[in-house]
Amino acid sequence: MKKYTDELVDKFVNYIGTKKFLMQLSGFIITYMLGNCLLSFFGKAFDPAPFLYLNLGLSLFGVFTYTFVAIHDKNVDEPHSLTLIKQNEKIIALLEAQVKDKE
């Protein structure tokens, strides 16, 4: 039986791999940068270019994301990396079969 925290980690890991998340993250970054640039004209920017706070936040997000993915891979029967390797092996086998058929 899975713990509640394991389920939360699974949901988070599955969510960060979606197009929706990437679009939201991109929108946040662009809005953050444009907002700070506009506020800098009035001398009220809270994180002027080169956006050190944004860099710190994204670095921390990367660390936590890596940690959550590692926890998720430990809790599943077959880690994502193993799944990708098996998928690549199937694709290579199909391509090799197609090449043999053409010969």
N, C-alpha and C. Protein backbone atom coordinates (compact mmCIF):
# COMPACT_ATOMS: atom_id res chain seq x y z
N MET A 1 0.84 -1.18 0.00
CA MET A 1 0.00 0.00 0.00
C MET A 1 0.88 1.25 0.00
N LYS A 2 0.55 2.18 -0.88
CA LYS A 2 1.34 3.39 -1.00
C LYS A 2 1.00 4.38 0.09
N LYS A 3 2.01 5.11 0.51
CA LYS A 3 1.80 6.19 1.46
C LYS A 3 1.21 7.38 0.72
N TYR A 4 0.60 8.28 1.49
CA TYR A 4 0.02 9.48 0.90
C TYR A 4 1.09 10.34 0.23
N THR A 5 2.26 10.44 0.86
CA THR A 5 3.34 11.24 0.28
C THR A 5 3.84 10.64 -1.03
N ASP A 6 3.87 9.31 -1.11
CA ASP A 6 4.29 8.67 -2.36
C ASP A 6 3.31 8.99 -3.49
N GLU A 7 2.03 9.02 -3.17
CA GLU A 7 1.03 9.37 -4.17
C GLU A 7 1.19 10.81 -4.63
N LEU A 8 1.50 11.71 -3.70
CA LEU A 8 1.72 13.11 -4.07
C LEU A 8 2.93 13.25 -4.98
N VAL A 9 4.00 12.53 -4.66
CA VAL A 9 5.21 12.56 -5.49
C VAL A 9 4.90 12.03 -6.88
N ASP A 10 4.15 10.93 -6.96
CA ASP A 10 3.77 10.37 -8.26
C ASP A 10 2.97 11.37 -9.08
N LYS A 11 2.01 12.03 -8.46
CA LYS A 11 1.20 13.03 -9.17
C LYS A 11 2.07 14.18 -9.67
N PHE A 12 2.98 14.65 -8.81
CA PHE A 12 3.86 15.75 -9.19
C PHE A 12 4.75 15.37 -10.36
N VAL A 13 5.38 14.21 -10.27
CA VAL A 13 6.30 13.77 -11.33
C VAL A 13 5.54 13.59 -12.65
N ASN A 14 4.36 13.03 -12.59
CA ASN A 14 3.58 12.85 -13.82
C ASN A 14 3.12 14.19 -14.38
N TYR A 15 2.87 15.18 -13.51
CA TYR A 15 2.41 16.48 -13.98
C TYR A 15 3.53 17.29 -14.63
N ILE A 16 4.75 17.23 -14.08
CA ILE A 16 5.82 18.06 -14.64
C ILE A 16 6.28 17.59 -16.00
N GLY A 17 5.84 16.44 -16.42
CA GLY A 17 6.20 15.94 -17.75
C GLY A 17 5.19 16.29 -18.82
N THR A 18 4.21 17.13 -18.51
CA THR A 18 3.15 17.45 -19.47
C THR A 18 3.43 18.75 -20.21
N LYS A 19 2.79 18.90 -21.36
CA LYS A 19 2.89 20.14 -22.13
C LYS A 19 2.28 21.30 -21.35
N LYS A 20 1.21 21.02 -20.64
CA LYS A 20 0.53 22.05 -19.85
C LYS A 20 1.49 22.67 -18.84
N PHE A 21 2.25 21.84 -18.14
CA PHE A 21 3.20 22.35 -17.16
C PHE A 21 4.28 23.19 -17.82
N LEU A 22 4.82 22.71 -18.94
CA LEU A 22 5.88 23.45 -19.62
C LEU A 22 5.38 24.81 -20.10
N MET A 23 4.15 24.85 -20.59
CA MET A 23 3.58 26.13 -21.02
C MET A 23 3.37 27.06 -19.82
N GLN A 24 2.89 26.53 -18.71
CA GLN A 24 2.70 27.35 -17.51
C GLN A 24 4.03 27.88 -16.98
N LEU A 25 5.05 27.03 -16.94
CA LEU A 25 6.35 27.46 -16.46
C LEU A 25 6.94 28.52 -17.38
N SER A 26 6.82 28.32 -18.69
CA SER A 26 7.32 29.30 -19.65
C SER A 26 6.58 30.63 -19.49
N GLY A 27 5.26 30.55 -19.33
CA GLY A 27 4.47 31.77 -19.13
C GLY A 27 4.87 32.50 -17.87
N PHE A 28 5.12 31.76 -16.80
CA PHE A 28 5.54 32.38 -15.54
C PHE A 28 6.88 33.09 -15.71
N ILE A 29 7.83 32.43 -16.35
CA ILE A 29 9.17 33.01 -16.51
C ILE A 29 9.10 34.28 -17.37
N ILE A 30 8.38 34.21 -18.46
CA ILE A 30 8.26 35.38 -19.35
C ILE A 30 7.57 36.52 -18.63
N THR A 31 6.47 36.24 -17.92
CA THR A 31 5.75 37.27 -17.17
C THR A 31 6.64 37.88 -16.09
N TYR A 32 7.37 37.03 -15.39
CA TYR A 32 8.29 37.50 -14.34
C TYR A 32 9.32 38.46 -14.91
N MET A 33 9.93 38.07 -16.02
CA MET A 33 10.98 38.89 -16.61
C MET A 33 10.42 40.20 -17.17
N LEU A 34 9.32 40.11 -17.90
CA LEU A 34 8.72 41.33 -18.45
C LEU A 34 8.24 42.27 -17.35
N GLY A 35 7.61 41.69 -16.32
CA GLY A 35 7.14 42.50 -15.21
C GLY A 35 8.27 43.23 -14.52
N ASN A 36 9.38 42.56 -14.30
CA ASN A 36 10.52 43.21 -13.67
C ASN A 36 11.16 44.26 -14.56
N CYS A 37 11.19 44.00 -15.85
CA CYS A 37 11.73 44.99 -16.79
C CYS A 37 10.87 46.25 -16.80
N LEU A 38 9.55 46.07 -16.82
CA LEU A 38 8.65 47.22 -16.79
C LEU A 38 8.75 47.98 -15.47
N LEU A 39 8.83 47.26 -14.37
CA LEU A 39 8.96 47.91 -13.06
C LEU A 39 10.30 48.62 -12.89
N SER A 40 11.32 48.16 -13.61
CA SER A 40 12.63 48.80 -13.49
C SER A 40 12.62 50.22 -14.05
N PHE A 41 11.71 50.50 -15.00
CA PHE A 41 11.59 51.86 -15.52
C PHE A 41 11.12 52.83 -14.44
N PHE A 42 10.38 52.33 -13.48
CA PHE A 42 9.88 53.17 -12.38
C PHE A 42 10.74 53.02 -11.13
N GLY A 43 11.83 52.27 -11.21
CA GLY A 43 12.72 52.07 -10.09
C GLY A 43 12.15 51.18 -9.00
N LYS A 44 11.16 50.35 -9.33
CA LYS A 44 10.51 49.52 -8.32
C LYS A 44 10.67 48.02 -8.59
N ALA A 45 11.62 47.64 -9.42
CA ALA A 45 11.81 46.23 -9.74
C ALA A 45 12.32 45.49 -8.50
N PHE A 46 11.69 44.38 -8.17
CA PHE A 46 12.12 43.59 -7.01
C PHE A 46 13.22 42.60 -7.37
N ASP A 47 13.40 42.34 -8.65
CA ASP A 47 14.46 41.44 -9.11
C ASP A 47 14.93 41.90 -10.49
N PRO A 48 15.72 42.99 -10.53
CA PRO A 48 16.14 43.50 -11.84
C PRO A 48 17.06 42.51 -12.56
N ALA A 49 17.19 42.71 -13.88
CA ALA A 49 18.09 41.86 -14.66
C ALA A 49 19.45 41.87 -13.99
N PRO A 50 20.10 40.77 -13.86
CA PRO A 50 20.02 39.45 -14.45
C PRO A 50 19.12 38.45 -13.71
N PHE A 51 18.13 38.92 -12.96
CA PHE A 51 17.10 38.07 -12.35
C PHE A 51 17.68 36.99 -11.43
N LEU A 52 18.40 37.44 -10.43
CA LEU A 52 19.06 36.50 -9.51
C LEU A 52 18.05 35.68 -8.70
N TYR A 53 16.96 36.31 -8.28
CA TYR A 53 15.96 35.58 -7.50
C TYR A 53 15.27 34.51 -8.37
N LEU A 54 15.01 34.85 -9.62
CA LEU A 54 14.43 33.87 -10.54
C LEU A 54 15.38 32.69 -10.73
N ASN A 55 16.66 33.00 -10.90
CA ASN A 55 17.67 31.96 -11.06
C ASN A 55 17.72 31.07 -9.82
N LEU A 56 17.70 31.67 -8.64
CA LEU A 56 17.72 30.90 -7.40
C LEU A 56 16.48 30.01 -7.29
N GLY A 57 15.32 30.58 -7.60
CA GLY A 57 14.07 29.81 -7.52
C GLY A 57 14.05 28.64 -8.48
N LEU A 58 14.50 28.86 -9.70
CA LEU A 58 14.51 27.78 -10.69
C LEU A 58 15.55 26.72 -10.33
N SER A 59 16.66 27.13 -9.74
CA SER A 59 17.66 26.15 -9.30
C SER A 59 17.11 25.28 -8.18
N LEU A 60 16.45 25.90 -7.21
CA LEU A 60 15.84 25.13 -6.12
C LEU A 60 14.75 24.20 -6.65
N PHE A 61 13.97 24.70 -7.61
CA PHE A 61 12.93 23.87 -8.22
C PHE A 61 13.56 22.66 -8.89
N GLY A 62 14.70 22.86 -9.56
CA GLY A 62 15.39 21.75 -10.22
C GLY A 62 15.89 20.71 -9.23
N VAL A 63 16.40 21.17 -8.10
CA VAL A 63 16.88 20.24 -7.07
C VAL A 63 15.72 19.41 -6.52
N PHE A 64 14.61 20.09 -6.20
CA PHE A 64 13.46 19.36 -5.67
C PHE A 64 12.86 18.42 -6.71
N THR A 65 12.83 18.86 -7.95
CA THR A 65 12.29 18.01 -9.02
C THR A 65 13.13 16.75 -9.16
N TYR A 66 14.45 16.91 -9.16
CA TYR A 66 15.34 15.75 -9.26
C TYR A 66 15.10 14.79 -8.09
N THR A 67 14.94 15.35 -6.90
CA THR A 67 14.70 14.53 -5.71
C THR A 67 13.39 13.76 -5.84
N PHE A 68 12.35 14.44 -6.28
CA PHE A 68 11.05 13.79 -6.43
C PHE A 68 11.07 12.71 -7.50
N VAL A 69 11.77 12.96 -8.59
CA VAL A 69 11.88 11.94 -9.64
C VAL A 69 12.64 10.72 -9.12
N ALA A 70 13.69 10.96 -8.34
CA ALA A 70 14.45 9.84 -7.77
C ALA A 70 13.58 9.03 -6.81
N ILE A 71 12.78 9.72 -5.99
CA ILE A 71 11.87 9.02 -5.07
C ILE A 71 10.84 8.23 -5.87
N HIS A 72 10.32 8.85 -6.92
CA HIS A 72 9.30 8.19 -7.75
C HIS A 72 9.88 6.94 -8.41
N ASP A 73 11.09 7.05 -8.96
CA ASP A 73 11.71 5.90 -9.62
C ASP A 73 11.99 4.77 -8.63
N LYS A 74 12.29 5.12 -7.38
CA LYS A 74 12.55 4.10 -6.38
C LYS A 74 11.27 3.36 -6.00
N ASN A 75 10.13 4.04 -6.07
CA ASN A 75 8.87 3.46 -5.63
C ASN A 75 8.11 2.70 -6.71
N VAL A 76 8.47 2.89 -7.96
CA VAL A 76 7.76 2.18 -9.02
C VAL A 76 8.47 0.87 -9.33
N ASP A 77 7.72 -0.04 -9.95
CA ASP A 77 8.30 -1.34 -10.28
C ASP A 77 9.39 -1.21 -11.33
N GLU A 78 9.17 -0.33 -12.30
CA GLU A 78 10.13 -0.16 -13.37
C GLU A 78 10.39 1.33 -13.57
N PRO A 79 11.60 1.81 -13.27
CA PRO A 79 11.91 3.24 -13.40
C PRO A 79 11.73 3.74 -14.83
N HIS A 80 11.52 5.04 -14.97
CA HIS A 80 11.33 5.64 -16.29
C HIS A 80 12.52 5.40 -17.20
N SER A 81 13.72 5.45 -16.64
CA SER A 81 14.90 5.26 -17.46
C SER A 81 14.92 3.87 -18.09
N LEU A 82 14.50 2.87 -17.33
CA LEU A 82 14.44 1.50 -17.85
C LEU A 82 13.36 1.39 -18.93
N THR A 83 12.24 2.06 -18.71
CA THR A 83 11.16 2.06 -19.70
C THR A 83 11.64 2.66 -21.01
N LEU A 84 12.37 3.78 -20.93
CA LEU A 84 12.88 4.43 -22.13
C LEU A 84 13.86 3.54 -22.87
N ILE A 85 14.71 2.84 -22.14
CA ILE A 85 15.67 1.94 -22.77
C ILE A 85 14.94 0.83 -23.52
N LYS A 86 13.91 0.26 -22.89
CA LYS A 86 13.14 -0.81 -23.55
C LYS A 86 12.42 -0.28 -24.79
N GLN A 87 11.88 0.95 -24.71
CA GLN A 87 11.21 1.52 -25.87
C GLN A 87 12.21 1.74 -27.00
N ASN A 88 13.39 2.22 -26.68
CA ASN A 88 14.42 2.43 -27.70
C ASN A 88 14.84 1.12 -28.33
N GLU A 89 14.96 0.06 -27.54
CA GLU A 89 15.32 -1.24 -28.09
C GLU A 89 14.25 -1.74 -29.05
N LYS A 90 12.98 -1.52 -28.73
CA LYS A 90 11.90 -1.93 -29.63
C LYS A 90 11.95 -1.15 -30.94
N ILE A 91 12.22 0.14 -30.84
CA ILE A 91 12.30 0.98 -32.05
C ILE A 91 13.46 0.53 -32.92
N ILE A 92 14.60 0.26 -32.31
CA ILE A 92 15.77 -0.21 -33.07
C ILE A 92 15.47 -1.54 -33.75
N ALA A 93 14.80 -2.44 -33.05
CA ALA A 93 14.45 -3.74 -33.64
C ALA A 93 13.52 -3.55 -34.83
N LEU A 94 12.54 -2.65 -34.71
CA LEU A 94 11.63 -2.39 -35.83
C LEU A 94 12.37 -1.79 -37.02
N LEU A 95 13.28 -0.86 -36.76
CA LEU A 95 14.04 -0.26 -37.86
C LEU A 95 14.95 -1.28 -38.54
N GLU A 96 15.57 -2.15 -37.75
CA GLU A 96 16.42 -3.19 -38.33
C GLU A 96 15.59 -4.14 -39.19
N ALA A 97 14.39 -4.45 -38.73
CA ALA A 97 13.51 -5.33 -39.52
C ALA A 97 13.12 -4.67 -40.83
N GLN A 98 12.86 -3.38 -40.80
CA GLN A 98 12.51 -2.66 -42.03
C GLN A 98 13.68 -2.65 -43.00
N VAL A 99 14.90 -2.47 -42.49
CA VAL A 99 16.08 -2.46 -43.36
C VAL A 99 16.28 -3.83 -43.99
N LYS A 100 16.08 -4.90 -43.21
CA LYS A 100 16.23 -6.25 -43.75
C LYS A 100 15.19 -6.53 -44.82
N ASP A 101 13.96 -6.02 -44.63
CA ASP A 101 12.89 -6.23 -45.61
C ASP A 101 13.21 -5.54 -46.94
N LYS A 102 13.86 -4.40 -46.88
CA LYS A 102 14.20 -3.65 -48.11
C LYS A 102 15.33 -4.31 -48.86
N GLU A 103 16.17 -5.07 -48.16
CA GLU A 103 17.30 -5.74 -48.82
C GLU A 103 16.80 -6.94 -49.50
